[in-house]
Amino acid sequence: MNTKTQVVDQLLTARQLAPLIGYSYWTLKYWRTHGTGGPPYCKKPGKRGAVRYRVSQVNKWLDSQNKSPIVLG
């Protein structure tokens, strides 16, 4: 791939991401602050750095959350 033609992965805020993946903004914040899971994110340096979620990483995280179906019968 030509370096001038690189695709930029979309970044979303927690408020933008939450309704797309079916979790609340507060759940995403809880996961970040307590380190108890959730999709990977990046944060700008500093105490109040902006948090962003890279769409490609969120999609991988969602795929990893799929559980095998239970076969009944």
PDB file of N, CA and C in Angstrom:
ATOM      1  N   MET A   1       0.854  -1.180   0.000  1.00  0.00           N
ATOM      2  CA  MET A   1       0.000   0.000   0.000  1.00  0.00           C
ATOM      3  C   MET A   1       0.894   1.234   0.000  1.00  0.00           C
ATOM      4  N   ASN A   2       0.571   2.173  -0.823  1.00  0.00           N
ATOM      5  CA  ASN A   2       1.290   3.433  -0.891  1.00  0.00           C
ATOM      6  C   ASN A   2       1.081   4.200   0.415  1.00  0.00           C
ATOM      7  N   THR A   3       2.167   4.755   0.968  1.00  0.00           N
ATOM      8  CA  THR A   3       2.047   5.453   2.253  1.00  0.00           C
ATOM      9  C   THR A   3       1.131   6.664   2.173  1.00  0.00           C
ATOM     10  N   LYS A   4       0.983   7.242   1.001  1.00  0.00           N
ATOM     11  CA  LYS A   4       0.092   8.391   0.853  1.00  0.00           C
ATOM     12  C   LYS A   4      -1.375   7.978   0.812  1.00  0.00           C
ATOM     13  N   THR A   5      -1.627   6.685   0.635  1.00  0.00           N
ATOM     14  CA  THR A   5      -2.993   6.207   0.493  1.00  0.00           C
ATOM     15  C   THR A   5      -3.414   5.347   1.689  1.00  0.00           C
ATOM     16  N   GLN A   6      -2.808   5.544   2.819  1.00  0.00           N
ATOM     17  CA  GLN A   6      -3.160   4.743   3.986  1.00  0.00           C
ATOM     18  C   GLN A   6      -4.571   5.079   4.448  1.00  0.00           C
ATOM     19  N   VAL A   7      -5.268   4.062   4.884  1.00  0.00           N
ATOM     20  CA  VAL A   7      -6.627   4.246   5.383  1.00  0.00           C
ATOM     21  C   VAL A   7      -6.554   4.614   6.861  1.00  0.00           C
ATOM     22  N   VAL A   8      -7.238   5.673   7.229  1.00  0.00           N
ATOM     23  CA  VAL A   8      -7.276   6.099   8.625  1.00  0.00           C
ATOM     24  C   VAL A   8      -8.459   5.422   9.288  1.00  0.00           C
ATOM     25  N   ASP A   9      -8.184   4.720  10.371  1.00  0.00           N
ATOM     26  CA  ASP A   9      -9.232   4.033  11.120  1.00  0.00           C
ATOM     27  C   ASP A   9     -10.038   5.070  11.901  1.00  0.00           C
ATOM     28  N   GLN A  10     -11.340   4.956  11.860  1.00  0.00           N
ATOM     29  CA  GLN A  10     -12.217   5.917  12.522  1.00  0.00           C
ATOM     30  C   GLN A  10     -12.110   5.806  14.037  1.00  0.00           C
ATOM     31  N   LEU A  11     -12.090   6.937  14.713  1.00  0.00           N
ATOM     32  CA  LEU A  11     -12.067   7.004  16.170  1.00  0.00           C
ATOM     33  C   LEU A  11     -13.399   7.549  16.663  1.00  0.00           C
ATOM     34  N   LEU A  12     -13.942   6.922  17.708  1.00  0.00           N
ATOM     35  CA  LEU A  12     -15.226   7.346  18.273  1.00  0.00           C
ATOM     36  C   LEU A  12     -15.056   7.670  19.750  1.00  0.00           C
ATOM     37  N   THR A  13     -15.863   8.590  20.234  1.00  0.00           N
ATOM     38  CA  THR A  13     -15.924   8.851  21.671  1.00  0.00           C
ATOM     39  C   THR A  13     -16.775   7.755  22.321  1.00  0.00           C
ATOM     40  N   ALA A  14     -16.731   7.694  23.639  1.00  0.00           N
ATOM     41  CA  ALA A  14     -17.563   6.721  24.358  1.00  0.00           C
ATOM     42  C   ALA A  14     -19.046   6.991  24.128  1.00  0.00           C
ATOM     43  N   ARG A  15     -19.417   8.247  24.058  1.00  0.00           N
ATOM     44  CA  ARG A  15     -20.834   8.597  23.822  1.00  0.00           C
ATOM     45  C   ARG A  15     -21.281   8.192  22.423  1.00  0.00           C
ATOM     46  N   GLN A  16     -20.392   8.252  21.447  1.00  0.00           N
ATOM     47  CA  GLN A  16     -20.730   7.815  20.094  1.00  0.00           C
ATOM     48  C   GLN A  16     -20.777   6.300  20.010  1.00  0.00           C
ATOM     49  N   LEU A  17     -19.868   5.638  20.707  1.00  0.00           N
ATOM     50  CA  LEU A  17     -19.760   4.186  20.617  1.00  0.00           C
ATOM     51  C   LEU A  17     -20.862   3.445  21.369  1.00  0.00           C
ATOM     52  N   ALA A  18     -21.217   3.928  22.538  1.00  0.00           N
ATOM     53  CA  ALA A  18     -22.142   3.216  23.422  1.00  0.00           C
ATOM     54  C   ALA A  18     -23.415   2.724  22.722  1.00  0.00           C
ATOM     55  N   PRO A  19     -24.170   3.567  22.046  1.00  0.00           N
ATOM     56  CA  PRO A  19     -25.404   3.058  21.430  1.00  0.00           C
ATOM     57  C   PRO A  19     -25.147   2.088  20.272  1.00  0.00           C
ATOM     58  N   LEU A  20     -23.974   2.176  19.673  1.00  0.00           N
ATOM     59  CA  LEU A  20     -23.669   1.282  18.555  1.00  0.00           C
ATOM     60  C   LEU A  20     -23.406  -0.151  19.000  1.00  0.00           C
ATOM     61  N   ILE A  21     -22.890  -0.309  20.232  1.00  0.00           N
ATOM     62  CA  ILE A  21     -22.561  -1.655  20.707  1.00  0.00           C
ATOM     63  C   ILE A  21     -23.503  -2.157  21.800  1.00  0.00           C
ATOM     64  N   GLY A  22     -24.473  -1.341  22.181  1.00  0.00           N
ATOM     65  CA  GLY A  22     -25.489  -1.798  23.125  1.00  0.00           C
ATOM     66  C   GLY A  22     -25.099  -1.721  24.588  1.00  0.00           C
ATOM     67  N   TYR A  23     -24.112  -0.902  24.913  1.00  0.00           N
ATOM     68  CA  TYR A  23     -23.735  -0.667  26.307  1.00  0.00           C
ATOM     69  C   TYR A  23     -23.868   0.822  26.578  1.00  0.00           C
ATOM     70  N   SER A  24     -24.047   1.182  27.836  1.00  0.00           N
ATOM     71  CA  SER A  24     -24.181   2.599  28.163  1.00  0.00           C
ATOM     72  C   SER A  24     -22.809   3.267  28.224  1.00  0.00           C
ATOM     73  N   TYR A  25     -22.832   4.581  28.123  1.00  0.00           N
ATOM     74  CA  TYR A  25     -21.625   5.380  28.296  1.00  0.00           C
ATOM     75  C   TYR A  25     -21.003   5.074  29.653  1.00  0.00           C
ATOM     76  N   TRP A  26     -21.854   4.947  30.672  1.00  0.00           N
ATOM     77  CA  TRP A  26     -21.363   4.721  32.041  1.00  0.00           C
ATOM     78  C   TRP A  26     -20.714   3.349  32.190  1.00  0.00           C
ATOM     79  N   THR A  27     -21.201   2.353  31.469  1.00  0.00           N
ATOM     80  CA  THR A  27     -20.572   1.033  31.498  1.00  0.00           C
ATOM     81  C   THR A  27     -19.182   1.107  30.889  1.00  0.00           C
ATOM     82  N   LEU A  28     -19.058   1.778  29.749  1.00  0.00           N
ATOM     83  CA  LEU A  28     -17.742   1.941  29.131  1.00  0.00           C
ATOM     84  C   LEU A  28     -16.784   2.666  30.065  1.00  0.00           C
ATOM     85  N   LYS A  29     -17.270   3.703  30.732  1.00  0.00           N
ATOM     86  CA  LYS A  29     -16.433   4.451  31.672  1.00  0.00           C
ATOM     87  C   LYS A  29     -16.021   3.579  32.854  1.00  0.00           C
ATOM     88  N   TYR A  30     -16.943   2.784  33.364  1.00  0.00           N
ATOM     89  CA  TYR A  30     -16.639   1.888  34.476  1.00  0.00           C
ATOM     90  C   TYR A  30     -15.552   0.892  34.077  1.00  0.00           C
ATOM     91  N   TRP A  31     -15.713   0.283  32.916  1.00  0.00           N
ATOM     92  CA  TRP A  31     -14.707  -0.671  32.451  1.00  0.00           C
ATOM     93  C   TRP A  31     -13.334  -0.021  32.355  1.00  0.00           C
ATOM     94  N   ARG A  32     -13.277   1.203  31.820  1.00  0.00           N
ATOM     95  CA  ARG A  32     -11.991   1.901  31.683  1.00  0.00           C
ATOM     96  C   ARG A  32     -11.368   2.195  33.036  1.00  0.00           C
ATOM     97  N   THR A  33     -12.154   2.752  33.946  1.00  0.00           N
ATOM     98  CA  THR A  33     -11.595   3.203  35.219  1.00  0.00           C
ATOM     99  C   THR A  33     -11.269   2.058  36.167  1.00  0.00           C
ATOM    100  N   HIS A  34     -11.967   0.933  36.027  1.00  0.00           N
ATOM    101  CA  HIS A  34     -11.718  -0.201  36.914  1.00  0.00           C
ATOM    102  C   HIS A  34     -10.896  -1.308  36.254  1.00  0.00           C
ATOM    103  N   GLY A  35     -10.625  -1.173  34.973  1.00  0.00           N
ATOM    104  CA  GLY A  35      -9.825  -2.176  34.274  1.00  0.00           C
ATOM    105  C   GLY A  35     -10.469  -3.549  34.247  1.00  0.00           C
ATOM    106  N   THR A  36     -11.791  -3.582  34.133  1.00  0.00           N
ATOM    107  CA  THR A  36     -12.512  -4.862  34.204  1.00  0.00           C
ATOM    108  C   THR A  36     -13.011  -5.345  32.852  1.00  0.00           C
ATOM    109  N   GLY A  37     -12.348  -4.968  31.796  1.00  0.00           N
ATOM    110  CA  GLY A  37     -12.764  -5.435  30.476  1.00  0.00           C
ATOM    111  C   GLY A  37     -13.203  -4.289  29.600  1.00  0.00           C
ATOM    112  N   GLY A  38     -13.980  -4.624  28.608  1.00  0.00           N
ATOM    113  CA  GLY A  38     -14.445  -3.620  27.666  1.00  0.00           C
ATOM    114  C   GLY A  38     -13.522  -3.521  26.474  1.00  0.00           C
ATOM    115  N   PRO A  39     -13.957  -2.779  25.477  1.00  0.00           N
ATOM    116  CA  PRO A  39     -13.159  -2.656  24.264  1.00  0.00           C
ATOM    117  C   PRO A  39     -11.885  -1.843  24.510  1.00  0.00           C
ATOM    118  N   PRO A  40     -10.832  -2.118  23.733  1.00  0.00           N
ATOM    119  CA  PRO A  40      -9.604  -1.340  23.876  1.00  0.00           C
ATOM    120  C   PRO A  40      -9.836   0.112  23.468  1.00  0.00           C
ATOM    121  N   TYR A  41      -9.087   1.007  24.083  1.00  0.00           N
ATOM    122  CA  TYR A  41      -9.234   2.431  23.799  1.00  0.00           C
ATOM    123  C   TYR A  41      -7.863   3.091  23.813  1.00  0.00           C
ATOM    124  N   CYS A  42      -7.805   4.292  23.305  1.00  0.00           N
ATOM    125  CA  CYS A  42      -6.575   5.076  23.392  1.00  0.00           C
ATOM    126  C   CYS A  42      -6.920   6.387  24.079  1.00  0.00           C
ATOM    127  N   LYS A  43      -5.912   6.961  24.717  1.00  0.00           N
ATOM    128  CA  LYS A  43      -6.131   8.183  25.482  1.00  0.00           C
ATOM    129  C   LYS A  43      -4.966   9.131  25.229  1.00  0.00           C
ATOM    130  N   LYS A  44      -5.289  10.391  25.017  1.00  0.00           N
ATOM    131  CA  LYS A  44      -4.246  11.397  24.864  1.00  0.00           C
ATOM    132  C   LYS A  44      -3.540  11.571  26.210  1.00  0.00           C
ATOM    133  N   PRO A  45      -2.270  11.929  26.175  1.00  0.00           N
ATOM    134  CA  PRO A  45      -1.540  12.120  27.437  1.00  0.00           C
ATOM    135  C   PRO A  45      -2.183  13.189  28.320  1.00  0.00           C
ATOM    136  N   GLY A  46      -1.965  13.055  29.601  1.00  0.00           N
ATOM    137  CA  GLY A  46      -2.479  14.034  30.558  1.00  0.00           C
ATOM    138  C   GLY A  46      -3.611  13.474  31.386  1.00  0.00           C
ATOM    139  N   LYS A  47      -3.840  14.115  32.504  1.00  0.00           N
ATOM    140  CA  LYS A  47      -4.870  13.658  33.434  1.00  0.00           C
ATOM    141  C   LYS A  47      -6.259  13.654  32.808  1.00  0.00           C
ATOM    142  N   ARG A  48      -6.542  14.627  31.976  1.00  0.00           N
ATOM    143  CA  ARG A  48      -7.867  14.733  31.366  1.00  0.00           C
ATOM    144  C   ARG A  48      -7.817  14.476  29.860  1.00  0.00           C
ATOM    145  N   GLY A  49      -6.938  13.570  29.466  1.00  0.00           N
ATOM    146  CA  GLY A  49      -6.790  13.265  28.049  1.00  0.00           C
ATOM    147  C   GLY A  49      -8.058  12.662  27.456  1.00  0.00           C
ATOM    148  N   ALA A  50      -8.325  13.003  26.218  1.00  0.00           N
ATOM    149  CA  ALA A  50      -9.521  12.519  25.534  1.00  0.00           C
ATOM    150  C   ALA A  50      -9.405  11.024  25.245  1.00  0.00           C
ATOM    151  N   VAL A  51     -10.462  10.287  25.532  1.00  0.00           N
ATOM    152  CA  VAL A  51     -10.524   8.843  25.278  1.00  0.00           C
ATOM    153  C   VAL A  51     -11.212   8.618  23.941  1.00  0.00           C
ATOM    154  N   ARG A  52     -10.629   7.753  23.131  1.00  0.00           N
ATOM    155  CA  ARG A  52     -11.213   7.407  21.834  1.00  0.00           C
ATOM    156  C   ARG A  52     -11.141   5.899  21.643  1.00  0.00           C
ATOM    157  N   TYR A  53     -12.106   5.380  20.913  1.00  0.00           N
ATOM    158  CA  TYR A  53     -12.169   3.951  20.585  1.00  0.00           C
ATOM    159  C   TYR A  53     -11.961   3.797  19.086  1.00  0.00           C
ATOM    160  N   ARG A  54     -10.992   2.978  18.705  1.00  0.00           N
ATOM    161  CA  ARG A  54     -10.710   2.710  17.296  1.00  0.00           C
ATOM    162  C   ARG A  54     -11.696   1.646  16.811  1.00  0.00           C
ATOM    163  N   VAL A  55     -12.444   1.948  15.764  1.00  0.00           N
ATOM    164  CA  VAL A  55     -13.519   1.082  15.278  1.00  0.00           C
ATOM    165  C   VAL A  55     -13.019  -0.335  14.986  1.00  0.00           C
ATOM    166  N   SER A  56     -11.876  -0.473  14.355  1.00  0.00           N
ATOM    167  CA  SER A  56     -11.367  -1.811  14.015  1.00  0.00           C
ATOM    168  C   SER A  56     -11.093  -2.633  15.276  1.00  0.00           C
ATOM    169  N   GLN A  57     -10.570  -1.997  16.328  1.00  0.00           N
ATOM    170  CA  GLN A  57     -10.301  -2.721  17.571  1.00  0.00           C
ATOM    171  C   GLN A  57     -11.592  -3.080  18.304  1.00  0.00           C
ATOM    172  N   VAL A  58     -12.575  -2.205  18.233  1.00  0.00           N
ATOM    173  CA  VAL A  58     -13.869  -2.505  18.850  1.00  0.00           C
ATOM    174  C   VAL A  58     -14.518  -3.692  18.145  1.00  0.00           C
ATOM    175  N   ASN A  59     -14.435  -3.728  16.816  1.00  0.00           N
ATOM    176  CA  ASN A  59     -14.999  -4.860  16.066  1.00  0.00           C
ATOM    177  C   ASN A  59     -14.324  -6.173  16.450  1.00  0.00           C
ATOM    178  N   LYS A  60     -13.011  -6.162  16.617  1.00  0.00           N
ATOM    179  CA  LYS A  60     -12.297  -7.375  17.048  1.00  0.00           C
ATOM    180  C   LYS A  60     -12.735  -7.778  18.448  1.00  0.00           C
ATOM    181  N   TRP A  61     -12.887  -6.789  19.333  1.00  0.00           N
ATOM    182  CA  TRP A  61     -13.328  -7.079  20.693  1.00  0.00           C
ATOM    183  C   TRP A  61     -14.736  -7.682  20.688  1.00  0.00           C
ATOM    184  N   LEU A  62     -15.630  -7.117  19.883  1.00  0.00           N
ATOM    185  CA  LEU A  62     -16.992  -7.648  19.788  1.00  0.00           C
ATOM    186  C   LEU A  62     -16.973  -9.091  19.288  1.00  0.00           C
ATOM    187  N   ASP A  63     -16.143  -9.378  18.277  1.00  0.00           N
ATOM    188  CA  ASP A  63     -16.034 -10.747  17.765  1.00  0.00           C
ATOM    189  C   ASP A  63     -15.544 -11.700  18.844  1.00  0.00           C
ATOM    190  N   SER A  64     -14.649 -11.239  19.695  1.00  0.00           N
ATOM    191  CA  SER A  64     -14.115 -12.099  20.753  1.00  0.00           C
ATOM    192  C   SER A  64     -15.150 -12.352  21.852  1.00  0.00           C
ATOM    193  N   GLN A  65     -16.202 -11.533  21.929  1.00  0.00           N
ATOM    194  CA  GLN A  65     -17.240 -11.691  22.930  1.00  0.00           C
ATOM    195  C   GLN A  65     -18.285 -12.726  22.555  1.00  0.00           C
ATOM    196  N   ASN A  66     -18.298 -13.144  21.296  1.00  0.00           N
ATOM    197  CA  ASN A  66     -19.278 -14.139  20.851  1.00  0.00           C
ATOM    198  C   ASN A  66     -18.998 -15.475  21.513  1.00  0.00           C
ATOM    199  N   LYS A  67     -19.985 -16.036  22.079  1.00  0.00           N
ATOM    200  CA  LYS A  67     -19.888 -17.334  22.751  1.00  0.00           C
ATOM    201  C   LYS A  67     -20.440 -18.412  21.837  1.00  0.00           C
ATOM    202  N   SER A  68     -19.941 -19.603  22.012  1.00  0.00           N
ATOM    203  CA  SER A  68     -20.467 -20.718  21.220  1.00  0.00           C
ATOM    204  C   SER A  68     -21.913 -20.988  21.620  1.00  0.00           C
ATOM    205  N   PRO A  69     -22.778 -21.258  20.659  1.00  0.00           N
ATOM    206  CA  PRO A  69     -24.185 -21.532  20.996  1.00  0.00           C
ATOM    207  C   PRO A  69     -24.326 -22.855  21.741  1.00  0.00           C
ATOM    208  N   ILE A  70     -25.295 -22.891  22.603  1.00  0.00           N
ATOM    209  CA  ILE A  70     -25.605 -24.127  23.334  1.00  0.00           C
ATOM    210  C   ILE A  70     -26.542 -24.964  22.467  1.00  0.00           C
ATOM    211  N   VAL A  71     -26.175 -26.218  22.270  1.00  0.00           N
ATOM    212  CA  VAL A  71     -27.010 -27.113  21.469  1.00  0.00           C
ATOM    213  C   VAL A  71     -27.923 -27.880  22.414  1.00  0.00           C
ATOM    214  N   LEU A  72     -29.205 -27.689  22.252  1.00  0.00           N
ATOM    215  CA  LEU A  72     -30.178 -28.389  23.105  1.00  0.00           C
ATOM    216  C   LEU A  72     -30.741 -29.594  22.363  1.00  0.00           C
ATOM    217  N   GLY A  73     -31.042 -30.614  23.122  1.00  0.00           N
ATOM    218  CA  GLY A  73     -31.781 -31.715  22.533  1.00  0.00           C
ATOM    219  C   GLY A  73     -30.952 -32.889  22.232  1.00  0.00           C
TER     220      GLY A  73
END
